[in-house]
Amino acid sequence: YGNSGGGGGGGGAAGNGAGATPGSSDPYRYGGNGAGGQYYAPTGVRY
């Protein structure tokens, strides 16, 4: 979610991504964090 303080984070892809962080309300007005990608074992990277 976007909130009264900052934009929401974007969704990441499934499993290890879970839900993105919402933007905060006053007085902190922080932007939300993005969610992580999905882990792919052969490369050791999240996409």
All heavy atoms as atom14 arrays in JSON, in Angstrom:
{
  "sequence": "YGNSGGGGGGGGAAGNGAGATPGSSDPYRYGGNGAGGQYYAPTGVRY",
  "atom14_mask": [
    [1, 1, 1, 1, 1, 1, 1, 1, 1, 1, 1, 1, 0, 0],
    [1, 1, 1, 1, 0, 0, 0, 0, 0, 0, 0, 0, 0, 0],
    [1, 1, 1, 1, 1, 1, 1, 1, 0, 0, 0, 0, 0, 0],
    [1, 1, 1, 1, 1, 1, 0, 0, 0, 0, 0, 0, 0, 0],
    [1, 1, 1, 1, 0, 0, 0, 0, 0, 0, 0, 0, 0, 0],
    [1, 1, 1, 1, 0, 0, 0, 0, 0, 0, 0, 0, 0, 0],
    [1, 1, 1, 1, 0, 0, 0, 0, 0, 0, 0, 0, 0, 0],
    [1, 1, 1, 1, 0, 0, 0, 0, 0, 0, 0, 0, 0, 0],
    [1, 1, 1, 1, 0, 0, 0, 0, 0, 0, 0, 0, 0, 0],
    [1, 1, 1, 1, 0, 0, 0, 0, 0, 0, 0, 0, 0, 0],
    [1, 1, 1, 1, 0, 0, 0, 0, 0, 0, 0, 0, 0, 0],
    [1, 1, 1, 1, 0, 0, 0, 0, 0, 0, 0, 0, 0, 0],
    [1, 1, 1, 1, 1, 0, 0, 0, 0, 0, 0, 0, 0, 0],
    [1, 1, 1, 1, 1, 0, 0, 0, 0, 0, 0, 0, 0, 0],
    [1, 1, 1, 1, 0, 0, 0, 0, 0, 0, 0, 0, 0, 0],
    [1, 1, 1, 1, 1, 1, 1, 1, 0, 0, 0, 0, 0, 0],
    [1, 1, 1, 1, 0, 0, 0, 0, 0, 0, 0, 0, 0, 0],
    [1, 1, 1, 1, 1, 0, 0, 0, 0, 0, 0, 0, 0, 0],
    [1, 1, 1, 1, 0, 0, 0, 0, 0, 0, 0, 0, 0, 0],
    [1, 1, 1, 1, 1, 0, 0, 0, 0, 0, 0, 0, 0, 0],
    [1, 1, 1, 1, 1, 1, 1, 0, 0, 0, 0, 0, 0, 0],
    [1, 1, 1, 1, 1, 1, 1, 0, 0, 0, 0, 0, 0, 0],
    [1, 1, 1, 1, 0, 0, 0, 0, 0, 0, 0, 0, 0, 0],
    [1, 1, 1, 1, 1, 1, 0, 0, 0, 0, 0, 0, 0, 0],
    [1, 1, 1, 1, 1, 1, 0, 0, 0, 0, 0, 0, 0, 0],
    [1, 1, 1, 1, 1, 1, 1, 1, 0, 0, 0, 0, 0, 0],
    [1, 1, 1, 1, 1, 1, 1, 0, 0, 0, 0, 0, 0, 0],
    [1, 1, 1, 1, 1, 1, 1, 1, 1, 1, 1, 1, 0, 0],
    [1, 1, 1, 1, 1, 1, 1, 1, 1, 1, 1, 0, 0, 0],
    [1, 1, 1, 1, 1, 1, 1, 1, 1, 1, 1, 1, 0, 0],
    [1, 1, 1, 1, 0, 0, 0, 0, 0, 0, 0, 0, 0, 0],
    [1, 1, 1, 1, 0, 0, 0, 0, 0, 0, 0, 0, 0, 0],
    [1, 1, 1, 1, 1, 1, 1, 1, 0, 0, 0, 0, 0, 0],
    [1, 1, 1, 1, 0, 0, 0, 0, 0, 0, 0, 0, 0, 0],
    [1, 1, 1, 1, 1, 0, 0, 0, 0, 0, 0, 0, 0, 0],
    [1, 1, 1, 1, 0, 0, 0, 0, 0, 0, 0, 0, 0, 0],
    [1, 1, 1, 1, 0, 0, 0, 0, 0, 0, 0, 0, 0, 0],
    [1, 1, 1, 1, 1, 1, 1, 1, 1, 0, 0, 0, 0, 0],
    [1, 1, 1, 1, 1, 1, 1, 1, 1, 1, 1, 1, 0, 0],
    [1, 1, 1, 1, 1, 1, 1, 1, 1, 1, 1, 1, 0, 0],
    [1, 1, 1, 1, 1, 0, 0, 0, 0, 0, 0, 0, 0, 0],
    [1, 1, 1, 1, 1, 1, 1, 0, 0, 0, 0, 0, 0, 0],
    [1, 1, 1, 1, 1, 1, 1, 0, 0, 0, 0, 0, 0, 0],
    [1, 1, 1, 1, 0, 0, 0, 0, 0, 0, 0, 0, 0, 0],
    [1, 1, 1, 1, 1, 1, 1, 0, 0, 0, 0, 0, 0, 0],
    [1, 1, 1, 1, 1, 1, 1, 1, 1, 1, 1, 0, 0, 0],
    [1, 1, 1, 1, 1, 1, 1, 1, 1, 1, 1, 1, 0, 0]
  ],
  "atom14_positions": [
    [[0.83, -1.2, 0.0], [0.0, 0.0, 0.0], [0.86, 1.25, 0.0], [1.88, 1.34, 0.68], [-0.88, 0.03, 1.24], [-2.2, -0.65, 1.09], [-2.29, -2.03, 1.04], [-3.37, 0.09, 0.97], [-3.52, -2.67, 0.91], [-4.61, -0.53, 0.83], [-4.66, -1.91, 0.8], [-5.87, -2.53, 0.65], [0.0, 0.0, 0.0], [0.0, 0.0, 0.0]],
    [[0.39, 2.26, -0.75], [0.87, 3.61, -0.53], [0.15, 4.14, 0.7], [-0.96, 3.7, 1.02], [0.0, 0.0, 0.0], [0.0, 0.0, 0.0], [0.0, 0.0, 0.0], [0.0, 0.0, 0.0], [0.0, 0.0, 0.0], [0.0, 0.0, 0.0], [0.0, 0.0, 0.0], [0.0, 0.0, 0.0], [0.0, 0.0, 0.0], [0.0, 0.0, 0.0]],
    [[0.73, 5.08, 1.4], [0.09, 5.59, 2.6], [0.22, 7.1, 2.61], [0.61, 7.71, 1.61], [0.71, 4.96, 3.85], [-0.29, 4.69, 4.94], [-1.09, 5.56, 5.26], [-0.26, 3.49, 5.5], [0.0, 0.0, 0.0], [0.0, 0.0, 0.0], [0.0, 0.0, 0.0], [0.0, 0.0, 0.0], [0.0, 0.0, 0.0], [0.0, 0.0, 0.0]],
    [[-0.07, 7.72, 3.74], [-0.02, 9.17, 3.79], [1.41, 9.69, 3.81], [1.64, 10.88, 3.74], [-0.76, 9.68, 5.04], [-0.21, 9.08, 6.2], [0.0, 0.0, 0.0], [0.0, 0.0, 0.0], [0.0, 0.0, 0.0], [0.0, 0.0, 0.0], [0.0, 0.0, 0.0], [0.0, 0.0, 0.0], [0.0, 0.0, 0.0], [0.0, 0.0, 0.0]],
    [[2.38, 8.78, 3.87], [3.76, 9.26, 3.94], [4.62, 8.96, 2.75], [5.53, 9.7, 2.44], [0.0, 0.0, 0.0], [0.0, 0.0, 0.0], [0.0, 0.0, 0.0], [0.0, 0.0, 0.0], [0.0, 0.0, 0.0], [0.0, 0.0, 0.0], [0.0, 0.0, 0.0], [0.0, 0.0, 0.0], [0.0, 0.0, 0.0], [0.0, 0.0, 0.0]],
    [[4.41, 7.86, 2.07], [5.31, 7.53, 0.98], [4.69, 6.5, 0.07], [3.66, 5.91, 0.38], [0.0, 0.0, 0.0], [0.0, 0.0, 0.0], [0.0, 0.0, 0.0], [0.0, 0.0, 0.0], [0.0, 0.0, 0.0], [0.0, 0.0, 0.0], [0.0, 0.0, 0.0], [0.0, 0.0, 0.0], [0.0, 0.0, 0.0], [0.0, 0.0, 0.0]],
    [[5.31, 6.28, -1.06], [4.81, 5.29, -2.0], [5.01, 3.88, -1.49], [5.96, 3.59, -0.75], [0.0, 0.0, 0.0], [0.0, 0.0, 0.0], [0.0, 0.0, 0.0], [0.0, 0.0, 0.0], [0.0, 0.0, 0.0], [0.0, 0.0, 0.0], [0.0, 0.0, 0.0], [0.0, 0.0, 0.0], [0.0, 0.0, 0.0], [0.0, 0.0, 0.0]],
    [[4.16, 2.98, -1.87], [4.31, 1.58, -1.48], [5.41, 0.91, -2.27], [5.79, 1.34, -3.35], [0.0, 0.0, 0.0], [0.0, 0.0, 0.0], [0.0, 0.0, 0.0], [0.0, 0.0, 0.0], [0.0, 0.0, 0.0], [0.0, 0.0, 0.0], [0.0, 0.0, 0.0], [0.0, 0.0, 0.0], [0.0, 0.0, 0.0], [0.0, 0.0, 0.0]],
    [[5.94, -0.19, -1.72], [6.92, -0.99, -2.43], [6.26, -1.86, -3.47], [5.09, -2.22, -3.36], [0.0, 0.0, 0.0], [0.0, 0.0, 0.0], [0.0, 0.0, 0.0], [0.0, 0.0, 0.0], [0.0, 0.0, 0.0], [0.0, 0.0, 0.0], [0.0, 0.0, 0.0], [0.0, 0.0, 0.0], [0.0, 0.0, 0.0], [0.0, 0.0, 0.0]],
    [[7.02, -2.23, -4.48], [6.5, -3.12, -5.52], [6.53, -4.56, -5.08], [7.35, -4.97, -4.25], [0.0, 0.0, 0.0], [0.0, 0.0, 0.0], [0.0, 0.0, 0.0], [0.0, 0.0, 0.0], [0.0, 0.0, 0.0], [0.0, 0.0, 0.0], [0.0, 0.0, 0.0], [0.0, 0.0, 0.0], [0.0, 0.0, 0.0], [0.0, 0.0, 0.0]],
    [[5.64, -5.37, -5.62], [5.61, -6.8, -5.29], [6.76, -7.54, -5.93], [7.2, -7.23, -7.03], [0.0, 0.0, 0.0], [0.0, 0.0, 0.0], [0.0, 0.0, 0.0], [0.0, 0.0, 0.0], [0.0, 0.0, 0.0], [0.0, 0.0, 0.0], [0.0, 0.0, 0.0], [0.0, 0.0, 0.0], [0.0, 0.0, 0.0], [0.0, 0.0, 0.0]],
    [[7.29, -8.5, -5.2], [8.31, -9.4, -5.74], [7.66, -10.72, -6.12], [6.5, -10.96, -5.83], [0.0, 0.0, 0.0], [0.0, 0.0, 0.0], [0.0, 0.0, 0.0], [0.0, 0.0, 0.0], [0.0, 0.0, 0.0], [0.0, 0.0, 0.0], [0.0, 0.0, 0.0], [0.0, 0.0, 0.0], [0.0, 0.0, 0.0], [0.0, 0.0, 0.0]],
    [[8.42, -11.58, -6.74], [7.85, -12.81, -7.31], [7.78, -13.93, -6.29], [8.77, -14.58, -6.0], [8.67, -13.24, -8.52], [0.0, 0.0, 0.0], [0.0, 0.0, 0.0], [0.0, 0.0, 0.0], [0.0, 0.0, 0.0], [0.0, 0.0, 0.0], [0.0, 0.0, 0.0], [0.0, 0.0, 0.0], [0.0, 0.0, 0.0], [0.0, 0.0, 0.0]],
    [[6.61, -14.15, -5.73], [6.26, -15.35, -4.97], [7.18, -15.7, -3.81], [8.08, -14.97, -3.45], [6.17, -16.53, -5.92], [0.0, 0.0, 0.0], [0.0, 0.0, 0.0], [0.0, 0.0, 0.0], [0.0, 0.0, 0.0], [0.0, 0.0, 0.0], [0.0, 0.0, 0.0], [0.0, 0.0, 0.0], [0.0, 0.0, 0.0], [0.0, 0.0, 0.0]],
    [[6.89, -16.87, -3.22], [7.66, -17.52, -2.16], [8.47, -16.6, -1.29], [7.96, -15.97, -0.36], [0.0, 0.0, 0.0], [0.0, 0.0, 0.0], [0.0, 0.0, 0.0], [0.0, 0.0, 0.0], [0.0, 0.0, 0.0], [0.0, 0.0, 0.0], [0.0, 0.0, 0.0], [0.0, 0.0, 0.0], [0.0, 0.0, 0.0], [0.0, 0.0, 0.0]],
    [[9.75, -16.53, -1.59], [10.65, -15.73, -0.78], [10.37, -14.23, -0.9], [10.86, -13.44, -0.1], [12.1, -16.01, -1.19], [12.52, -17.42, -0.87], [12.37, -17.87, 0.25], [13.0, -18.14, -1.85], [0.0, 0.0, 0.0], [0.0, 0.0, 0.0], [0.0, 0.0, 0.0], [0.0, 0.0, 0.0], [0.0, 0.0, 0.0], [0.0, 0.0, 0.0]],
    [[9.62, -13.82, -1.91], [9.29, -12.42, -2.06], [8.29, -11.95, -1.03], [8.42, -10.89, -0.45], [0.0, 0.0, 0.0], [0.0, 0.0, 0.0], [0.0, 0.0, 0.0], [0.0, 0.0, 0.0], [0.0, 0.0, 0.0], [0.0, 0.0, 0.0], [0.0, 0.0, 0.0], [0.0, 0.0, 0.0], [0.0, 0.0, 0.0], [0.0, 0.0, 0.0]],
    [[7.26, -12.78, -0.76], [6.15, -12.41, 0.13], [5.55, -11.08, -0.32], [5.68, -10.68, -1.46], [6.62, -12.38, 1.57], [0.0, 0.0, 0.0], [0.0, 0.0, 0.0], [0.0, 0.0, 0.0], [0.0, 0.0, 0.0], [0.0, 0.0, 0.0], [0.0, 0.0, 0.0], [0.0, 0.0, 0.0], [0.0, 0.0, 0.0], [0.0, 0.0, 0.0]],
    [[4.86, -10.37, 0.56], [4.25, -9.1, 0.21], [5.2, -7.95, 0.4], [6.1, -7.99, 1.23], [0.0, 0.0, 0.0], [0.0, 0.0, 0.0], [0.0, 0.0, 0.0], [0.0, 0.0, 0.0], [0.0, 0.0, 0.0], [0.0, 0.0, 0.0], [0.0, 0.0, 0.0], [0.0, 0.0, 0.0], [0.0, 0.0, 0.0], [0.0, 0.0, 0.0]],
    [[5.02, -6.91, -0.39], [5.87, -5.73, -0.26], [5.47, -4.9, 0.95], [4.37, -5.01, 1.47], [5.78, -4.9, -1.52], [0.0, 0.0, 0.0], [0.0, 0.0, 0.0], [0.0, 0.0, 0.0], [0.0, 0.0, 0.0], [0.0, 0.0, 0.0], [0.0, 0.0, 0.0], [0.0, 0.0, 0.0], [0.0, 0.0, 0.0], [0.0, 0.0, 0.0]],
    [[6.39, -4.05, 1.41], [6.14, -3.19, 2.56], [5.31, -1.98, 2.15], [5.6, -1.34, 1.14], [7.47, -2.69, 3.14], [8.28, -3.82, 3.45], [7.26, -1.87, 4.38], [0.0, 0.0, 0.0], [0.0, 0.0, 0.0], [0.0, 0.0, 0.0], [0.0, 0.0, 0.0], [0.0, 0.0, 0.0], [0.0, 0.0, 0.0], [0.0, 0.0, 0.0]],
    [[4.3, -1.61, 2.92], [3.54, -0.4, 2.6], [4.33, 0.86, 2.96], [5.23, 0.83, 3.8], [2.29, -0.52, 3.47], [2.74, -1.34, 4.63], [3.74, -2.31, 4.09], [0.0, 0.0, 0.0], [0.0, 0.0, 0.0], [0.0, 0.0, 0.0], [0.0, 0.0, 0.0], [0.0, 0.0, 0.0], [0.0, 0.0, 0.0], [0.0, 0.0, 0.0]],
    [[3.98, 1.97, 2.32], [4.51, 3.25, 2.77], [3.95, 3.55, 4.15], [2.88, 3.1, 4.54], [0.0, 0.0, 0.0], [0.0, 0.0, 0.0], [0.0, 0.0, 0.0], [0.0, 0.0, 0.0], [0.0, 0.0, 0.0], [0.0, 0.0, 0.0], [0.0, 0.0, 0.0], [0.0, 0.0, 0.0], [0.0, 0.0, 0.0], [0.0, 0.0, 0.0]],
    [[4.7, 4.33, 4.94], [4.27, 4.59, 6.32], [3.35, 5.8, 6.4], [3.29, 6.63, 5.5], [5.49, 4.84, 7.21], [6.04, 6.11, 6.93], [0.0, 0.0, 0.0], [0.0, 0.0, 0.0], [0.0, 0.0, 0.0], [0.0, 0.0, 0.0], [0.0, 0.0, 0.0], [0.0, 0.0, 0.0], [0.0, 0.0, 0.0], [0.0, 0.0, 0.0]],
    [[2.66, 5.91, 7.52], [1.85, 7.09, 7.78], [2.69, 8.11, 8.56], [3.81, 7.84, 8.95], [0.61, 6.69, 8.59], [0.99, 6.07, 9.8], [0.0, 0.0, 0.0], [0.0, 0.0, 0.0], [0.0, 0.0, 0.0], [0.0, 0.0, 0.0], [0.0, 0.0, 0.0], [0.0, 0.0, 0.0], [0.0, 0.0, 0.0], [0.0, 0.0, 0.0]],
    [[2.12, 9.32, 8.77], [2.82, 10.35, 9.53], [3.2, 9.83, 10.91], [2.51, 8.97, 11.46], [1.92, 11.58, 9.68], [1.74, 12.31, 8.36], [2.55, 12.08, 7.45], [0.8, 13.09, 8.25], [0.0, 0.0, 0.0], [0.0, 0.0, 0.0], [0.0, 0.0, 0.0], [0.0, 0.0, 0.0], [0.0, 0.0, 0.0], [0.0, 0.0, 0.0]],
    [[4.25, 10.33, 11.54], [5.09, 11.43, 11.08], [6.32, 10.99, 10.3], [7.16, 11.81, 9.94], [5.52, 12.07, 12.4], [5.67, 10.91, 13.32], [4.57, 9.95, 12.94], [0.0, 0.0, 0.0], [0.0, 0.0, 0.0], [0.0, 0.0, 0.0], [0.0, 0.0, 0.0], [0.0, 0.0, 0.0], [0.0, 0.0, 0.0], [0.0, 0.0, 0.0]],
    [[6.47, 9.68, 10.03], [7.74, 9.23, 9.48], [7.82, 9.36, 7.96], [8.88, 9.59, 7.41], [7.98, 7.77, 9.91], [7.99, 7.64, 11.4], [6.93, 7.06, 12.07], [9.06, 8.12, 12.14], [6.92, 6.95, 13.45], [9.07, 8.02, 13.52], [7.99, 7.44, 14.17], [8.0, 7.34, 15.53], [0.0, 0.0, 0.0], [0.0, 0.0, 0.0]],
    [[6.72, 9.14, 7.27], [6.63, 9.39, 5.84], [7.69, 8.62, 5.05], [8.38, 9.16, 4.2], [6.73, 10.9, 5.57], [5.72, 11.71, 6.33], [5.96, 13.19, 6.17], [7.28, 13.59, 6.62], [7.51, 14.63, 7.41], [6.52, 15.37, 7.84], [8.74, 14.96, 7.74], [0.0, 0.0, 0.0], [0.0, 0.0, 0.0], [0.0, 0.0, 0.0]],
    [[7.82, 7.36, 5.37], [8.8, 6.52, 4.7], [8.2, 5.83, 3.48], [7.06, 5.38, 3.52], [9.34, 5.43, 5.64], [10.21, 5.93, 6.76], [10.47, 5.11, 7.86], [10.77, 7.21, 6.74], [11.28, 5.56, 8.9], [11.57, 7.65, 7.77], [11.82, 6.83, 8.85], [12.62, 7.25, 9.88], [0.0, 0.0, 0.0], [0.0, 0.0, 0.0]],
    [[9.0, 5.72, 2.44], [8.58, 4.93, 1.3], [8.64, 3.44, 1.62], [9.49, 2.99, 2.39], [0.0, 0.0, 0.0], [0.0, 0.0, 0.0], [0.0, 0.0, 0.0], [0.0, 0.0, 0.0], [0.0, 0.0, 0.0], [0.0, 0.0, 0.0], [0.0, 0.0, 0.0], [0.0, 0.0, 0.0], [0.0, 0.0, 0.0], [0.0, 0.0, 0.0]],
    [[7.74, 2.67, 1.03], [7.74, 1.22, 1.27], [8.86, 0.51, 0.54], [9.32, 0.93, -0.52], [0.0, 0.0, 0.0], [0.0, 0.0, 0.0], [0.0, 0.0, 0.0], [0.0, 0.0, 0.0], [0.0, 0.0, 0.0], [0.0, 0.0, 0.0], [0.0, 0.0, 0.0], [0.0, 0.0, 0.0], [0.0, 0.0, 0.0], [0.0, 0.0, 0.0]],
    [[9.33, -0.58, 1.12], [10.39, -1.38, 0.52], [9.81, -2.36, -0.5], [8.69, -2.83, -0.35], [11.15, -2.16, 1.58], [11.89, -1.27, 2.55], [12.36, -0.19, 2.18], [11.99, -1.7, 3.79], [0.0, 0.0, 0.0], [0.0, 0.0, 0.0], [0.0, 0.0, 0.0], [0.0, 0.0, 0.0], [0.0, 0.0, 0.0], [0.0, 0.0, 0.0]],
    [[10.6, -2.67, -1.51], [10.19, -3.68, -2.48], [10.39, -5.08, -1.92], [11.23, -5.32, -1.05], [0.0, 0.0, 0.0], [0.0, 0.0, 0.0], [0.0, 0.0, 0.0], [0.0, 0.0, 0.0], [0.0, 0.0, 0.0], [0.0, 0.0, 0.0], [0.0, 0.0, 0.0], [0.0, 0.0, 0.0], [0.0, 0.0, 0.0], [0.0, 0.0, 0.0]],
    [[9.6, -6.03, -2.4], [9.74, -7.42, -1.98], [10.8, -8.13, -2.81], [11.05, -7.77, -3.96], [8.41, -8.14, -2.11], [0.0, 0.0, 0.0], [0.0, 0.0, 0.0], [0.0, 0.0, 0.0], [0.0, 0.0, 0.0], [0.0, 0.0, 0.0], [0.0, 0.0, 0.0], [0.0, 0.0, 0.0], [0.0, 0.0, 0.0], [0.0, 0.0, 0.0]],
    [[11.44, -9.13, -2.19], [12.49, -9.87, -2.88], [11.95, -10.75, -3.99], [10.75, -11.05, -4.06], [0.0, 0.0, 0.0], [0.0, 0.0, 0.0], [0.0, 0.0, 0.0], [0.0, 0.0, 0.0], [0.0, 0.0, 0.0], [0.0, 0.0, 0.0], [0.0, 0.0, 0.0], [0.0, 0.0, 0.0], [0.0, 0.0, 0.0], [0.0, 0.0, 0.0]],
    [[12.84, -11.19, -4.86], [12.46, -12.05, -5.96], [12.4, -13.51, -5.55], [12.56, -13.86, -4.38], [0.0, 0.0, 0.0], [0.0, 0.0, 0.0], [0.0, 0.0, 0.0], [0.0, 0.0, 0.0], [0.0, 0.0, 0.0], [0.0, 0.0, 0.0], [0.0, 0.0, 0.0], [0.0, 0.0, 0.0], [0.0, 0.0, 0.0], [0.0, 0.0, 0.0]],
    [[12.19, -14.35, -6.53], [12.12, -15.78, -6.28], [13.49, -16.4, -6.47], [14.18, -16.15, -7.45], [11.11, -16.43, -7.22], [10.77, -17.86, -6.86], [9.55, -18.36, -7.61], [9.29, -17.93, -8.72], [8.8, -19.26, -7.01], [0.0, 0.0, 0.0], [0.0, 0.0, 0.0], [0.0, 0.0, 0.0], [0.0, 0.0, 0.0], [0.0, 0.0, 0.0]],
    [[13.87, -17.23, -5.52], [15.21, -17.83, -5.51], [15.28, -18.99, -6.5], [14.41, -19.86, -6.53], [15.54, -18.33, -4.11], [16.93, -18.91, -3.98], [18.05, -18.08, -4.05], [17.12, -20.27, -3.79], [19.33, -18.61, -3.92], [18.38, -20.81, -3.66], [19.49, -19.98, -3.73], [20.75, -20.5, -3.61], [0.0, 0.0, 0.0], [0.0, 0.0, 0.0]],
    [[16.35, -18.99, -7.31], [16.55, -20.04, -8.31], [17.88, -20.71, -8.02], [18.95, -20.15, -8.26], [16.53, -19.41, -9.7], [16.66, -20.39, -10.83], [15.78, -21.46, -10.98], [17.66, -20.25, -11.77], [15.89, -22.35, -12.03], [17.79, -21.14, -12.83], [16.9, -22.19, -12.95], [17.01, -23.07, -13.99], [0.0, 0.0, 0.0], [0.0, 0.0, 0.0]],
    [[17.84, -21.93, -7.48], [19.01, -22.57, -6.92], [20.2, -22.74, -7.88], [21.34, -22.51, -7.48], [18.62, -23.93, -6.32], [0.0, 0.0, 0.0], [0.0, 0.0, 0.0], [0.0, 0.0, 0.0], [0.0, 0.0, 0.0], [0.0, 0.0, 0.0], [0.0, 0.0, 0.0], [0.0, 0.0, 0.0], [0.0, 0.0, 0.0], [0.0, 0.0, 0.0]],
    [[19.99, -23.16, -9.14], [21.16, -23.37, -10.01], [22.04, -22.14, -10.2], [23.23, -22.26, -10.43], [20.54, -23.82, -11.34], [19.27, -24.48, -10.94], [18.76, -23.64, -9.8], [0.0, 0.0, 0.0], [0.0, 0.0, 0.0], [0.0, 0.0, 0.0], [0.0, 0.0, 0.0], [0.0, 0.0, 0.0], [0.0, 0.0, 0.0], [0.0, 0.0, 0.0]],
    [[21.45, -20.93, -10.13], [22.26, -19.72, -10.29], [22.55, -19.04, -8.97], [23.4, -18.17, -8.89], [21.55, -18.7, -11.2], [20.29, -18.35, -10.6], [21.31, -19.28, -12.57], [0.0, 0.0, 0.0], [0.0, 0.0, 0.0], [0.0, 0.0, 0.0], [0.0, 0.0, 0.0], [0.0, 0.0, 0.0], [0.0, 0.0, 0.0], [0.0, 0.0, 0.0]],
    [[21.81, -19.39, -7.91], [22.01, -18.74, -6.62], [21.52, -17.31, -6.59], [21.98, -16.51, -5.75], [0.0, 0.0, 0.0], [0.0, 0.0, 0.0], [0.0, 0.0, 0.0], [0.0, 0.0, 0.0], [0.0, 0.0, 0.0], [0.0, 0.0, 0.0], [0.0, 0.0, 0.0], [0.0, 0.0, 0.0], [0.0, 0.0, 0.0], [0.0, 0.0, 0.0]],
    [[20.59, -16.94, -7.47], [20.12, -15.55, -7.58], [18.6, -15.54, -7.45], [17.92, -16.49, -7.84], [20.54, -14.94, -8.93], [19.98, -13.53, -9.1], [22.06, -14.91, -9.04], [0.0, 0.0, 0.0], [0.0, 0.0, 0.0], [0.0, 0.0, 0.0], [0.0, 0.0, 0.0], [0.0, 0.0, 0.0], [0.0, 0.0, 0.0], [0.0, 0.0, 0.0]],
    [[18.07, -14.42, -6.92], [16.62, -14.2, -6.91], [16.26, -13.33, -8.11], [16.93, -12.34, -8.38], [16.2, -13.51, -5.62], [16.48, -14.29, -4.36], [15.98, -13.53, -3.12], [16.55, -14.08, -1.93], [16.09, -15.16, -1.29], [15.03, -15.78, -1.76], [16.66, -15.6, -0.21], [0.0, 0.0, 0.0], [0.0, 0.0, 0.0], [0.0, 0.0, 0.0]],
    [[15.21, -13.7, -8.79], [14.75, -12.95, -9.95], [13.36, -12.4, -9.68], [12.59, -12.95, -8.92], [14.73, -13.84, -11.2], [16.08, -14.35, -11.59], [16.51, -15.61, -11.22], [16.95, -13.54, -12.32], [17.77, -16.08, -11.58], [18.21, -14.0, -12.68], [18.61, -15.27, -12.31], [19.86, -15.73, -12.66], [0.0, 0.0, 0.0], [0.0, 0.0, 0.0]]
  ]
}
